[in-house]
Amino acid sequence: NLRRKAVVSTQSTGEETSKKLSNAIVADTTSERLPLKSRLLSQQFNCYQPSLRSTYVLLVNVLKLVVETGQLRLVTLDINQISEWMTKWKCDVQEQRDVYRLLHEAFSAIQQGEKAIQALVRLLKLFSENEGVEAKSDAHICVISHIAHPKIFVMDHLLDLHPIRALDGQLSHELLQIFVDGDLNDYIEFYNNNVDFVEKLAVTHEENLRKMRLLTLASMAQDCNEIEFSQLGEKLNLAEEDLEPFVIEAIGSGLIKGKINEPEGKISISSTINRTFKDPQWLFIKNKLEMWQKNLVIIQESMRKGHFAVPIGGG
């Protein structure tokens, strides 16, 4: 028992010393020492056991230094791994919020926009219905970050987050709703009514137009297997010579799958993304699964009898 107590005491003393050291490194404001601070803190963090509760302080200080320097050296920031660590450390809600907010700022500082967005979404999930209003500024940043990211097209999951709901009635929430299920005309009307608001955002009107044209095409593709170029040009307000490059971009982005039928002046659609996932989409999946289940029964029965039957729906 005495030996055990001595080990625990030594470990506790070591953890406290480590905390003080990392706090002192971050507290030093000498700009010339930034590279040295970064190297020392990174080495300290990598040498430490993630299972120790005091590693939380080291992590926070590493993130603060990344935000300050805009550089990430010798340390790997994995959101899922950090989430597991915080579970082991039994971090309370506020501690988790602090880490996810710092992760968002750190990833933003090193130009890793998608990871910054992931951290911000995890932050917003930590606010209950009654607390949502406390994170309205974070929610606004989250909305604009999603809209601005060139590879993010599905945003309906944001509407379930309490801080996003707290924005209801504000322009950022109205704009999000348009990017969730609106079309190009909805956005243009919003822009014309709120030019000053849009011009101050961290995303340009031209970038918004590009994304809304792509999203509008995705919605059109959900309702039909073919789209005439003339119909597409009218709906998207694009000149004839701009249609083919635009469709190629849409296919390249993964929004739709299909091919251009240039002689007939139309696009043949094989599949498209679902901008929203509600009851109709769940029903479609249910019907598909039921059809596959019936097909398996048919194939198994055919194999048992020694002949092959054509599955329902052609496969």
C-alpha atoms as a PDB file:
ATOM      1  CA  ASN A   1       0.000   0.000   0.000  1.00  0.00           C
ATOM      2  CA  LEU A   2       2.807   2.411   0.852  1.00  0.00           C
ATOM      3  CA  ARG A   3       4.488   1.680  -2.474  1.00  0.00           C
ATOM      4  CA  ARG A   4       1.198   2.208  -4.279  1.00  0.00           C
ATOM      5  CA  LYS A   5       0.628   5.531  -2.547  1.00  0.00           C
ATOM      6  CA  ALA A   6       4.152   6.624  -3.428  1.00  0.00           C
ATOM      7  CA  VAL A   7       3.576   5.798  -7.107  1.00  0.00           C
ATOM      8  CA  VAL A   8       0.291   7.696  -7.161  1.00  0.00           C
ATOM      9  CA  SER A   9       1.885  10.646  -5.399  1.00  0.00           C
ATOM     10  CA  THR A  10       4.804  10.699  -7.840  1.00  0.00           C
ATOM     11  CA  GLN A  11       2.441  10.489 -10.810  1.00  0.00           C
ATOM     12  CA  SER A  12       0.277  13.298  -9.423  1.00  0.00           C
ATOM     13  CA  THR A  13       3.340  15.485  -8.879  1.00  0.00           C
ATOM     14  CA  GLY A  14       4.551  14.752 -12.401  1.00  0.00           C
ATOM     15  CA  GLU A  15       1.188  15.643 -13.910  1.00  0.00           C
ATOM     16  CA  GLU A  16       1.072  18.917 -11.985  1.00  0.00           C
ATOM     17  CA  THR A  17       4.595  19.805 -13.121  1.00  0.00           C
ATOM     18  CA  SER A  18       3.654  19.001 -16.708  1.00  0.00           C
ATOM     19  CA  LYS A  19       0.605  21.284 -16.495  1.00  0.00           C
ATOM     20  CA  LYS A  20       2.677  24.145 -15.143  1.00  0.00           C
ATOM     21  CA  LEU A  21       5.307  23.669 -17.846  1.00  0.00           C
ATOM     22  CA  SER A  22       2.811  23.669 -20.733  1.00  0.00           C
ATOM     23  CA  ASN A  23       0.968  26.671 -19.260  1.00  0.00           C
ATOM     24  CA  ALA A  24       4.272  28.551 -18.969  1.00  0.00           C
ATOM     25  CA  ILE A  25       5.186  27.756 -22.579  1.00  0.00           C
ATOM     26  CA  VAL A  26       1.868  29.090 -23.884  1.00  0.00           C
ATOM     27  CA  ALA A  27       1.955  32.125 -21.583  1.00  0.00           C
ATOM     28  CA  ASP A  28       5.284  33.281 -23.054  1.00  0.00           C
ATOM     29  CA  THR A  29       4.428  36.066 -25.515  1.00  0.00           C
ATOM     30  CA  THR A  30       7.876  36.474 -27.090  1.00  0.00           C
ATOM     31  CA  SER A  31       7.249  36.185 -30.828  1.00  0.00           C
ATOM     32  CA  GLU A  32      10.841  35.095 -31.545  1.00  0.00           C
ATOM     33  CA  ARG A  33      10.259  31.999 -29.431  1.00  0.00           C
ATOM     34  CA  LEU A  34       7.200  30.733 -31.326  1.00  0.00           C
ATOM     35  CA  PRO A  35       9.091  27.956 -33.195  1.00  0.00           C
ATOM     36  CA  LEU A  36      10.735  26.863 -29.935  1.00  0.00           C
ATOM     37  CA  LYS A  37       7.395  26.964 -28.063  1.00  0.00           C
ATOM     38  CA  SER A  38       5.778  24.868 -30.763  1.00  0.00           C
ATOM     39  CA  ARG A  39       8.558  22.278 -30.716  1.00  0.00           C
ATOM     40  CA  LEU A  40       8.675  22.017 -26.917  1.00  0.00           C
ATOM     41  CA  LEU A  41       4.925  21.708 -26.483  1.00  0.00           C
ATOM     42  CA  SER A  42       4.594  19.179 -29.302  1.00  0.00           C
ATOM     43  CA  GLN A  43       7.348  17.001 -27.834  1.00  0.00           C
ATOM     44  CA  GLN A  44       5.805  17.231 -24.386  1.00  0.00           C
ATOM     45  CA  PHE A  45       2.391  16.242 -25.740  1.00  0.00           C
ATOM     46  CA  ASN A  46       3.745  13.293 -27.754  1.00  0.00           C
ATOM     47  CA  CYS A  47       5.694  11.966 -24.770  1.00  0.00           C
ATOM     48  CA  TYR A  48       2.684  12.059 -22.484  1.00  0.00           C
ATOM     49  CA  GLN A  49       0.232   9.211 -21.884  1.00  0.00           C
ATOM     50  CA  PRO A  50      -3.190  10.076 -23.411  1.00  0.00           C
ATOM     51  CA  SER A  51      -4.856   8.088 -20.626  1.00  0.00           C
ATOM     52  CA  LEU A  52      -3.752  10.663 -18.030  1.00  0.00           C
ATOM     53  CA  ARG A  53      -6.361  13.280 -17.151  1.00  0.00           C
ATOM     54  CA  SER A  54      -3.781  16.074 -17.210  1.00  0.00           C
ATOM     55  CA  THR A  55      -3.265  15.478 -20.939  1.00  0.00           C
ATOM     56  CA  TYR A  56      -6.409  17.607 -21.381  1.00  0.00           C
ATOM     57  CA  VAL A  57      -4.442  20.710 -20.355  1.00  0.00           C
ATOM     58  CA  LEU A  58      -1.644  19.801 -22.763  1.00  0.00           C
ATOM     59  CA  LEU A  59      -4.135  19.338 -25.600  1.00  0.00           C
ATOM     60  CA  VAL A  60      -5.766  22.703 -24.919  1.00  0.00           C
ATOM     61  CA  ASN A  61      -2.377  24.419 -24.904  1.00  0.00           C
ATOM     62  CA  VAL A  62      -1.325  22.694 -28.148  1.00  0.00           C
ATOM     63  CA  LEU A  63      -4.532  23.888 -29.814  1.00  0.00           C
ATOM     64  CA  LYS A  64      -4.032  27.431 -28.533  1.00  0.00           C
ATOM     65  CA  LEU A  65      -0.531  27.455 -30.000  1.00  0.00           C
ATOM     66  CA  VAL A  66      -1.801  26.186 -33.371  1.00  0.00           C
ATOM     67  CA  VAL A  67      -4.380  28.984 -33.397  1.00  0.00           C
ATOM     68  CA  GLU A  68      -1.662  31.511 -32.506  1.00  0.00           C
ATOM     69  CA  THR A  69       0.937  30.329 -35.036  1.00  0.00           C
ATOM     70  CA  GLY A  70      -1.233  28.971 -37.841  1.00  0.00           C
ATOM     71  CA  GLN A  71       1.066  25.949 -37.914  1.00  0.00           C
ATOM     72  CA  LEU A  72       0.759  22.322 -36.858  1.00  0.00           C
ATOM     73  CA  ARG A  73       4.054  20.574 -36.151  1.00  0.00           C
ATOM     74  CA  LEU A  74       4.799  17.067 -34.907  1.00  0.00           C
ATOM     75  CA  VAL A  75       1.241  16.559 -33.609  1.00  0.00           C
ATOM     76  CA  THR A  76      -1.667  14.764 -35.282  1.00  0.00           C
ATOM     77  CA  LEU A  77      -5.109  16.185 -34.582  1.00  0.00           C
ATOM     78  CA  ASP A  78      -7.734  13.476 -35.080  1.00  0.00           C
ATOM     79  CA  ILE A  79     -11.235  14.533 -34.033  1.00  0.00           C
ATOM     80  CA  ASN A  80     -12.442  10.987 -33.352  1.00  0.00           C
ATOM     81  CA  GLN A  81      -9.341  10.153 -31.316  1.00  0.00           C
ATOM     82  CA  ILE A  82      -9.654  13.344 -29.285  1.00  0.00           C
ATOM     83  CA  SER A  83     -13.326  12.566 -28.670  1.00  0.00           C
ATOM     84  CA  GLU A  84     -12.350   9.134 -27.293  1.00  0.00           C
ATOM     85  CA  TRP A  85      -9.720  10.736 -25.078  1.00  0.00           C
ATOM     86  CA  MET A  86     -12.252  13.175 -23.637  1.00  0.00           C
ATOM     87  CA  THR A  87     -14.513  10.238 -22.786  1.00  0.00           C
ATOM     88  CA  LYS A  88     -11.621   8.558 -20.929  1.00  0.00           C
ATOM     89  CA  TRP A  89     -10.797  11.816 -19.166  1.00  0.00           C
ATOM     90  CA  LYS A  90     -14.469  12.166 -18.153  1.00  0.00           C
ATOM     91  CA  CYS A  91     -14.532  15.744 -19.403  1.00  0.00           C
ATOM     92  CA  ASP A  92     -17.623  17.726 -18.518  1.00  0.00           C
ATOM     93  CA  VAL A  93     -19.720  19.422 -21.197  1.00  0.00           C
ATOM     94  CA  GLN A  94     -17.967  22.777 -20.910  1.00  0.00           C
ATOM     95  CA  GLU A  95     -14.542  21.186 -21.259  1.00  0.00           C
ATOM     96  CA  GLN A  96     -15.703  19.368 -24.383  1.00  0.00           C
ATOM     97  CA  ARG A  97     -17.120  22.595 -25.813  1.00  0.00           C
ATOM     98  CA  ASP A  98     -13.822  24.370 -25.174  1.00  0.00           C
ATOM     99  CA  VAL A  99     -11.875  21.673 -27.012  1.00  0.00           C
ATOM    100  CA  TYR A 100     -14.198  21.517 -30.032  1.00  0.00           C
ATOM    101  CA  ARG A 101     -14.208  25.312 -30.326  1.00  0.00           C
ATOM    102  CA  LEU A 102     -10.400  25.339 -30.202  1.00  0.00           C
ATOM    103  CA  LEU A 103     -10.289  22.496 -32.734  1.00  0.00           C
ATOM    104  CA  HIS A 104     -12.468  24.552 -35.070  1.00  0.00           C
ATOM    105  CA  GLU A 105     -10.182  27.563 -34.667  1.00  0.00           C
ATOM    106  CA  ALA A 106      -7.029  25.436 -35.058  1.00  0.00           C
ATOM    107  CA  PHE A 107      -8.215  23.674 -38.224  1.00  0.00           C
ATOM    108  CA  SER A 108      -9.315  27.033 -39.625  1.00  0.00           C
ATOM    109  CA  ALA A 109      -5.873  28.489 -38.864  1.00  0.00           C
ATOM    110  CA  ILE A 110      -4.134  25.721 -40.846  1.00  0.00           C
ATOM    111  CA  GLN A 111      -6.608  25.893 -43.737  1.00  0.00           C
ATOM    112  CA  GLN A 112      -8.327  22.552 -43.110  1.00  0.00           C
ATOM    113  CA  GLY A 113     -11.856  23.782 -43.680  1.00  0.00           C
ATOM    114  CA  GLU A 114     -13.701  20.474 -43.724  1.00  0.00           C
ATOM    115  CA  LYS A 115     -12.234  19.352 -40.398  1.00  0.00           C
ATOM    116  CA  ALA A 116     -12.965  22.801 -38.945  1.00  0.00           C
ATOM    117  CA  ILE A 117     -16.613  22.326 -39.918  1.00  0.00           C
ATOM    118  CA  GLN A 118     -16.715  18.843 -38.383  1.00  0.00           C
ATOM    119  CA  ALA A 119     -15.412  20.235 -35.083  1.00  0.00           C
ATOM    120  CA  LEU A 120     -17.978  23.039 -35.154  1.00  0.00           C
ATOM    121  CA  VAL A 121     -20.862  20.617 -35.730  1.00  0.00           C
ATOM    122  CA  ARG A 122     -19.689  18.516 -32.779  1.00  0.00           C
ATOM    123  CA  LEU A 123     -19.587  21.674 -30.678  1.00  0.00           C
ATOM    124  CA  LEU A 124     -23.169  22.603 -31.571  1.00  0.00           C
ATOM    125  CA  LYS A 125     -24.393  19.096 -30.717  1.00  0.00           C
ATOM    126  CA  LEU A 126     -23.358  19.724 -27.112  1.00  0.00           C
ATOM    127  CA  PHE A 127     -26.050  22.376 -26.616  1.00  0.00           C
ATOM    128  CA  SER A 128     -29.517  21.381 -25.441  1.00  0.00           C
ATOM    129  CA  GLU A 129     -32.740  23.012 -26.550  1.00  0.00           C
ATOM    130  CA  ASN A 130     -32.638  25.442 -23.627  1.00  0.00           C
ATOM    131  CA  GLU A 131     -28.972  26.272 -24.243  1.00  0.00           C
ATOM    132  CA  GLY A 132     -29.136  26.741 -28.019  1.00  0.00           C
ATOM    133  CA  VAL A 133     -29.288  30.517 -27.822  1.00  0.00           C
ATOM    134  CA  GLU A 134     -25.886  30.531 -26.064  1.00  0.00           C
ATOM    135  CA  ALA A 135     -24.191  29.342 -29.254  1.00  0.00           C
ATOM    136  CA  LYS A 136     -25.916  31.512 -31.846  1.00  0.00           C
ATOM    137  CA  SER A 137     -22.654  33.083 -32.985  1.00  0.00           C
ATOM    138  CA  ASP A 138     -21.113  29.614 -33.445  1.00  0.00           C
ATOM    139  CA  ALA A 139     -24.269  28.534 -35.278  1.00  0.00           C
ATOM    140  CA  HIS A 140     -24.001  31.474 -37.679  1.00  0.00           C
ATOM    141  CA  ILE A 141     -20.365  30.578 -38.433  1.00  0.00           C
ATOM    142  CA  CYS A 142     -21.404  26.959 -38.962  1.00  0.00           C
ATOM    143  CA  VAL A 143     -24.113  27.925 -41.475  1.00  0.00           C
ATOM    144  CA  ILE A 144     -21.846  30.183 -43.509  1.00  0.00           C
ATOM    145  CA  SER A 145     -18.988  27.653 -43.397  1.00  0.00           C
ATOM    146  CA  HIS A 146     -21.237  24.977 -44.903  1.00  0.00           C
ATOM    147  CA  ILE A 147     -22.512  27.326 -47.591  1.00  0.00           C
ATOM    148  CA  ALA A 148     -18.998  28.521 -48.432  1.00  0.00           C
ATOM    149  CA  HIS A 149     -17.389  25.081 -48.667  1.00  0.00           C
ATOM    150  CA  PRO A 150     -17.267  24.134 -52.369  1.00  0.00           C
ATOM    151  CA  LYS A 151     -17.706  20.397 -51.757  1.00  0.00           C
ATOM    152  CA  ILE A 152     -20.538  20.432 -49.209  1.00  0.00           C
ATOM    153  CA  PHE A 153     -23.993  20.225 -50.769  1.00  0.00           C
ATOM    154  CA  VAL A 154     -26.186  18.447 -48.200  1.00  0.00           C
ATOM    155  CA  MET A 155     -27.006  20.593 -45.167  1.00  0.00           C
ATOM    156  CA  ASP A 156     -30.407  19.466 -43.908  1.00  0.00           C
ATOM    157  CA  HIS A 157     -28.811  17.823 -40.822  1.00  0.00           C
ATOM    158  CA  LEU A 158     -27.968  21.292 -39.497  1.00  0.00           C
ATOM    159  CA  LEU A 159     -31.640  22.138 -39.036  1.00  0.00           C
ATOM    160  CA  ASP A 160     -31.877  19.635 -36.148  1.00  0.00           C
ATOM    161  CA  LEU A 161     -29.147  21.329 -34.105  1.00  0.00           C
ATOM    162  CA  HIS A 162     -30.538  23.471 -31.274  1.00  0.00           C
ATOM    163  CA  PRO A 163     -28.188  26.447 -31.817  1.00  0.00           C
ATOM    164  CA  ILE A 164     -29.200  26.474 -35.507  1.00  0.00           C
ATOM    165  CA  ARG A 165     -32.863  26.416 -34.490  1.00  0.00           C
ATOM    166  CA  ALA A 166     -32.136  29.388 -32.238  1.00  0.00           C
ATOM    167  CA  LEU A 167     -31.301  31.353 -35.416  1.00  0.00           C
ATOM    168  CA  ASP A 168     -34.872  30.951 -36.684  1.00  0.00           C
ATOM    169  CA  GLY A 169     -36.139  34.322 -37.875  1.00  0.00           C
ATOM    170  CA  GLN A 170     -32.654  35.572 -38.708  1.00  0.00           C
ATOM    171  CA  LEU A 171     -31.262  35.982 -42.210  1.00  0.00           C
ATOM    172  CA  SER A 172     -28.590  33.299 -41.799  1.00  0.00           C
ATOM    173  CA  HIS A 173     -31.299  30.722 -40.991  1.00  0.00           C
ATOM    174  CA  GLU A 174     -33.378  31.826 -43.966  1.00  0.00           C
ATOM    175  CA  LEU A 175     -30.337  31.520 -46.219  1.00  0.00           C
ATOM    176  CA  LEU A 176     -29.571  28.045 -44.859  1.00  0.00           C
ATOM    177  CA  GLN A 177     -33.125  26.943 -45.602  1.00  0.00           C
ATOM    178  CA  ILE A 178     -32.670  28.017 -49.232  1.00  0.00           C
ATOM    179  CA  PHE A 179     -29.464  25.985 -49.534  1.00  0.00           C
ATOM    180  CA  VAL A 180     -31.225  23.010 -47.941  1.00  0.00           C
ATOM    181  CA  ASP A 181     -34.245  22.786 -50.230  1.00  0.00           C
ATOM    182  CA  GLY A 182     -34.622  26.011 -52.233  1.00  0.00           C
ATOM    183  CA  ASP A 183     -33.690  26.750 -55.837  1.00  0.00           C
ATOM    184  CA  LEU A 184     -31.766  29.403 -57.762  1.00  0.00           C
ATOM    185  CA  ASN A 185     -34.747  31.755 -57.989  1.00  0.00           C
ATOM    186  CA  ASP A 186     -35.230  31.573 -54.201  1.00  0.00           C
ATOM    187  CA  TYR A 187     -31.605  32.573 -53.666  1.00  0.00           C
ATOM    188  CA  ILE A 188     -31.711  35.419 -56.192  1.00  0.00           C
ATOM    189  CA  GLU A 189     -34.829  36.802 -54.514  1.00  0.00           C
ATOM    190  CA  PHE A 190     -33.117  36.555 -51.106  1.00  0.00           C
ATOM    191  CA  TYR A 191     -30.014  38.292 -52.448  1.00  0.00           C
ATOM    192  CA  ASN A 192     -31.980  41.140 -54.013  1.00  0.00           C
ATOM    193  CA  ASN A 193     -33.745  41.738 -50.694  1.00  0.00           C
ATOM    194  CA  ASN A 194     -30.615  41.405 -48.535  1.00  0.00           C
ATOM    195  CA  VAL A 195     -27.669  42.588 -50.623  1.00  0.00           C
ATOM    196  CA  ASP A 196     -25.805  44.179 -47.692  1.00  0.00           C
ATOM    197  CA  PHE A 197     -26.089  41.014 -45.592  1.00  0.00           C
ATOM    198  CA  VAL A 198     -24.793  38.712 -48.348  1.00  0.00           C
ATOM    199  CA  GLU A 199     -21.948  41.047 -49.351  1.00  0.00           C
ATOM    200  CA  LYS A 200     -20.583  40.950 -45.782  1.00  0.00           C
ATOM    201  CA  LEU A 201     -20.436  37.150 -45.631  1.00  0.00           C
ATOM    202  CA  ALA A 202     -17.239  35.129 -45.940  1.00  0.00           C
ATOM    203  CA  VAL A 203     -18.505  33.789 -49.272  1.00  0.00           C
ATOM    204  CA  THR A 204     -19.187  35.749 -52.448  1.00  0.00           C
ATOM    205  CA  HIS A 205     -22.472  36.135 -54.290  1.00  0.00           C
ATOM    206  CA  GLU A 206     -20.880  34.487 -57.351  1.00  0.00           C
ATOM    207  CA  GLU A 207     -19.878  31.437 -55.279  1.00  0.00           C
ATOM    208  CA  ASN A 208     -23.418  31.215 -53.925  1.00  0.00           C
ATOM    209  CA  LEU A 209     -24.824  31.361 -57.455  1.00  0.00           C
ATOM    210  CA  ARG A 210     -22.543  28.521 -58.541  1.00  0.00           C
ATOM    211  CA  LYS A 211     -23.587  26.272 -55.668  1.00  0.00           C
ATOM    212  CA  MET A 212     -27.286  27.099 -56.012  1.00  0.00           C
ATOM    213  CA  ARG A 213     -27.187  26.257 -59.729  1.00  0.00           C
ATOM    214  CA  LEU A 214     -25.661  22.885 -58.870  1.00  0.00           C
ATOM    215  CA  LEU A 215     -28.230  22.256 -56.139  1.00  0.00           C
ATOM    216  CA  THR A 216     -31.080  23.288 -58.425  1.00  0.00           C
ATOM    217  CA  LEU A 217     -29.881  20.814 -61.049  1.00  0.00           C
ATOM    218  CA  ALA A 218     -29.773  18.080 -58.374  1.00  0.00           C
ATOM    219  CA  SER A 219     -33.402  18.822 -57.481  1.00  0.00           C
ATOM    220  CA  MET A 220     -34.442  18.768 -61.142  1.00  0.00           C
ATOM    221  CA  ALA A 221     -32.670  15.425 -61.606  1.00  0.00           C
ATOM    222  CA  GLN A 222     -34.673  13.863 -58.755  1.00  0.00           C
ATOM    223  CA  ASP A 223     -37.913  14.286 -60.683  1.00  0.00           C
ATOM    224  CA  CYS A 224     -36.919  13.030 -64.139  1.00  0.00           C
ATOM    225  CA  ASN A 225     -34.516  10.816 -66.085  1.00  0.00           C
ATOM    226  CA  GLU A 226     -33.816  13.356 -68.806  1.00  0.00           C
ATOM    227  CA  ILE A 227     -33.427  17.146 -68.842  1.00  0.00           C
ATOM    228  CA  GLU A 228     -33.498  19.220 -72.005  1.00  0.00           C
ATOM    229  CA  PHE A 229     -30.678  21.755 -72.368  1.00  0.00           C
ATOM    230  CA  SER A 230     -33.242  24.438 -73.183  1.00  0.00           C
ATOM    231  CA  GLN A 231     -35.105  23.713 -69.936  1.00  0.00           C
ATOM    232  CA  LEU A 232     -31.853  23.684 -67.973  1.00  0.00           C
ATOM    233  CA  GLY A 233     -30.654  26.978 -69.445  1.00  0.00           C
ATOM    234  CA  GLU A 234     -33.937  28.664 -68.584  1.00  0.00           C
ATOM    235  CA  LYS A 235     -34.065  27.301 -65.036  1.00  0.00           C
ATOM    236  CA  LEU A 236     -30.422  28.116 -64.244  1.00  0.00           C
ATOM    237  CA  ASN A 237     -30.182  31.369 -66.197  1.00  0.00           C
ATOM    238  CA  LEU A 238     -27.196  30.111 -68.200  1.00  0.00           C
ATOM    239  CA  ALA A 239     -26.220  30.824 -71.785  1.00  0.00           C
ATOM    240  CA  GLU A 240     -26.238  27.878 -74.190  1.00  0.00           C
ATOM    241  CA  GLU A 241     -22.444  27.768 -74.467  1.00  0.00           C
ATOM    242  CA  ASP A 242     -22.136  27.531 -70.672  1.00  0.00           C
ATOM    243  CA  LEU A 243     -24.472  24.555 -70.231  1.00  0.00           C
ATOM    244  CA  GLU A 244     -22.166  21.704 -71.189  1.00  0.00           C
ATOM    245  CA  PRO A 245     -19.224  22.836 -68.975  1.00  0.00           C
ATOM    246  CA  PHE A 246     -21.697  23.315 -66.130  1.00  0.00           C
ATOM    247  CA  VAL A 247     -23.120  19.789 -66.493  1.00  0.00           C
ATOM    248  CA  ILE A 248     -19.589  18.354 -66.645  1.00  0.00           C
ATOM    249  CA  GLU A 249     -18.819  20.161 -63.383  1.00  0.00           C
ATOM    250  CA  ALA A 250     -21.995  18.780 -61.788  1.00  0.00           C
ATOM    251  CA  ILE A 251     -21.089  15.226 -62.794  1.00  0.00           C
ATOM    252  CA  GLY A 252     -17.491  15.718 -61.648  1.00  0.00           C
ATOM    253  CA  SER A 253     -18.641  16.975 -58.247  1.00  0.00           C
ATOM    254  CA  GLY A 254     -20.688  13.803 -57.690  1.00  0.00           C
ATOM    255  CA  LEU A 255     -23.987  15.673 -57.505  1.00  0.00           C
ATOM    256  CA  ILE A 256     -25.455  13.708 -60.382  1.00  0.00           C
ATOM    257  CA  LYS A 257     -24.541  10.658 -62.418  1.00  0.00           C
ATOM    258  CA  GLY A 258     -25.407  10.695 -66.088  1.00  0.00           C
ATOM    259  CA  LYS A 259     -24.196  11.556 -69.545  1.00  0.00           C
ATOM    260  CA  ILE A 260     -24.650  14.337 -72.060  1.00  0.00           C
ATOM    261  CA  ASN A 261     -26.606  13.504 -75.208  1.00  0.00           C
ATOM    262  CA  GLU A 262     -25.244  16.307 -77.354  1.00  0.00           C
ATOM    263  CA  PRO A 263     -27.048  15.419 -80.643  1.00  0.00           C
ATOM    264  CA  GLU A 264     -30.431  15.518 -78.895  1.00  0.00           C
ATOM    265  CA  GLY A 265     -29.484  18.434 -76.640  1.00  0.00           C
ATOM    266  CA  LYS A 266     -30.274  16.811 -73.305  1.00  0.00           C
ATOM    267  CA  ILE A 267     -28.816  15.095 -70.232  1.00  0.00           C
ATOM    268  CA  SER A 268     -29.630  11.497 -69.339  1.00  0.00           C
ATOM    269  CA  ILE A 269     -29.736  11.103 -65.533  1.00  0.00           C
ATOM    270  CA  SER A 270     -28.989   7.796 -63.806  1.00  0.00           C
ATOM    271  CA  SER A 271     -28.868   9.043 -60.190  1.00  0.00           C
ATOM    272  CA  THR A 272     -28.553  12.164 -58.045  1.00  0.00           C
ATOM    273  CA  ILE A 273     -27.977  13.144 -54.428  1.00  0.00           C
ATOM    274  CA  ASN A 274     -30.860  13.693 -52.022  1.00  0.00           C
ATOM    275  CA  ARG A 275     -30.639  17.232 -50.731  1.00  0.00           C
ATOM    276  CA  THR A 276     -32.986  16.348 -47.889  1.00  0.00           C
ATOM    277  CA  PHE A 277     -33.670  13.002 -46.256  1.00  0.00           C
ATOM    278  CA  LYS A 278     -37.267  12.774 -45.127  1.00  0.00           C
ATOM    279  CA  ASP A 279     -40.154  10.296 -45.277  1.00  0.00           C
ATOM    280  CA  PRO A 280     -40.126   9.873 -49.102  1.00  0.00           C
ATOM    281  CA  GLN A 281     -36.430   8.967 -49.059  1.00  0.00           C
ATOM    282  CA  TRP A 282     -36.905   6.493 -46.191  1.00  0.00           C
ATOM    283  CA  LEU A 283     -39.858   4.954 -48.054  1.00  0.00           C
ATOM    284  CA  PHE A 284     -37.711   4.583 -51.192  1.00  0.00           C
ATOM    285  CA  ILE A 285     -35.019   2.748 -49.200  1.00  0.00           C
ATOM    286  CA  LYS A 286     -37.663   0.563 -47.525  1.00  0.00           C
ATOM    287  CA  ASN A 287     -39.106  -0.429 -50.898  1.00  0.00           C
ATOM    288  CA  LYS A 288     -35.621  -1.130 -52.303  1.00  0.00           C
ATOM    289  CA  LEU A 289     -34.718  -3.353 -49.333  1.00  0.00           C
ATOM    290  CA  GLU A 290     -38.001  -5.241 -49.600  1.00  0.00           C
ATOM    291  CA  MET A 291     -37.412  -5.799 -53.326  1.00  0.00           C
ATOM    292  CA  TRP A 292     -33.866  -7.056 -52.694  1.00  0.00           C
ATOM    293  CA  GLN A 293     -35.194  -9.403 -50.012  1.00  0.00           C
ATOM    294  CA  LYS A 294     -37.764 -10.843 -52.424  1.00  0.00           C
ATOM    295  CA  ASN A 295     -35.059 -11.211 -55.087  1.00  0.00           C
ATOM    296  CA  LEU A 296     -32.866 -13.195 -52.706  1.00  0.00           C
ATOM    297  CA  VAL A 297     -35.743 -15.555 -51.968  1.00  0.00           C
ATOM    298  CA  ILE A 298     -36.362 -16.009 -55.714  1.00  0.00           C
ATOM    299  CA  ILE A 299     -32.659 -16.655 -56.423  1.00  0.00           C
ATOM    300  CA  GLN A 300     -32.339 -19.117 -53.536  1.00  0.00           C
ATOM    301  CA  GLU A 301     -35.427 -21.002 -54.682  1.00  0.00           C
ATOM    302  CA  SER A 302     -34.155 -21.061 -58.274  1.00  0.00           C
ATOM    303  CA  MET A 303     -30.779 -22.421 -57.199  1.00  0.00           C
ATOM    304  CA  ARG A 304     -32.494 -25.110 -55.133  1.00  0.00           C
ATOM    305  CA  LYS A 305     -34.562 -26.213 -58.137  1.00  0.00           C
ATOM    306  CA  GLY A 306     -31.615 -26.026 -60.490  1.00  0.00           C
ATOM    307  CA  HIS A 307     -32.836 -23.202 -62.726  1.00  0.00           C
ATOM    308  CA  PHE A 308     -32.605 -19.429 -62.674  1.00  0.00           C
ATOM    309  CA  ALA A 309     -35.494 -16.959 -62.502  1.00  0.00           C
ATOM    310  CA  VAL A 310     -35.312 -13.274 -63.434  1.00  0.00           C
ATOM    311  CA  PRO A 311     -35.365 -11.164 -60.218  1.00  0.00           C
ATOM    312  CA  ILE A 312     -38.051  -8.579 -59.584  1.00  0.00           C
ATOM    313  CA  GLY A 313     -37.138  -5.221 -61.076  1.00  0.00           C
ATOM    314  CA  GLY A 314     -34.553  -6.748 -63.387  1.00  0.00           C
ATOM    315  CA  GLY A 315     -31.916  -7.362 -60.650  1.00  0.00           C
END
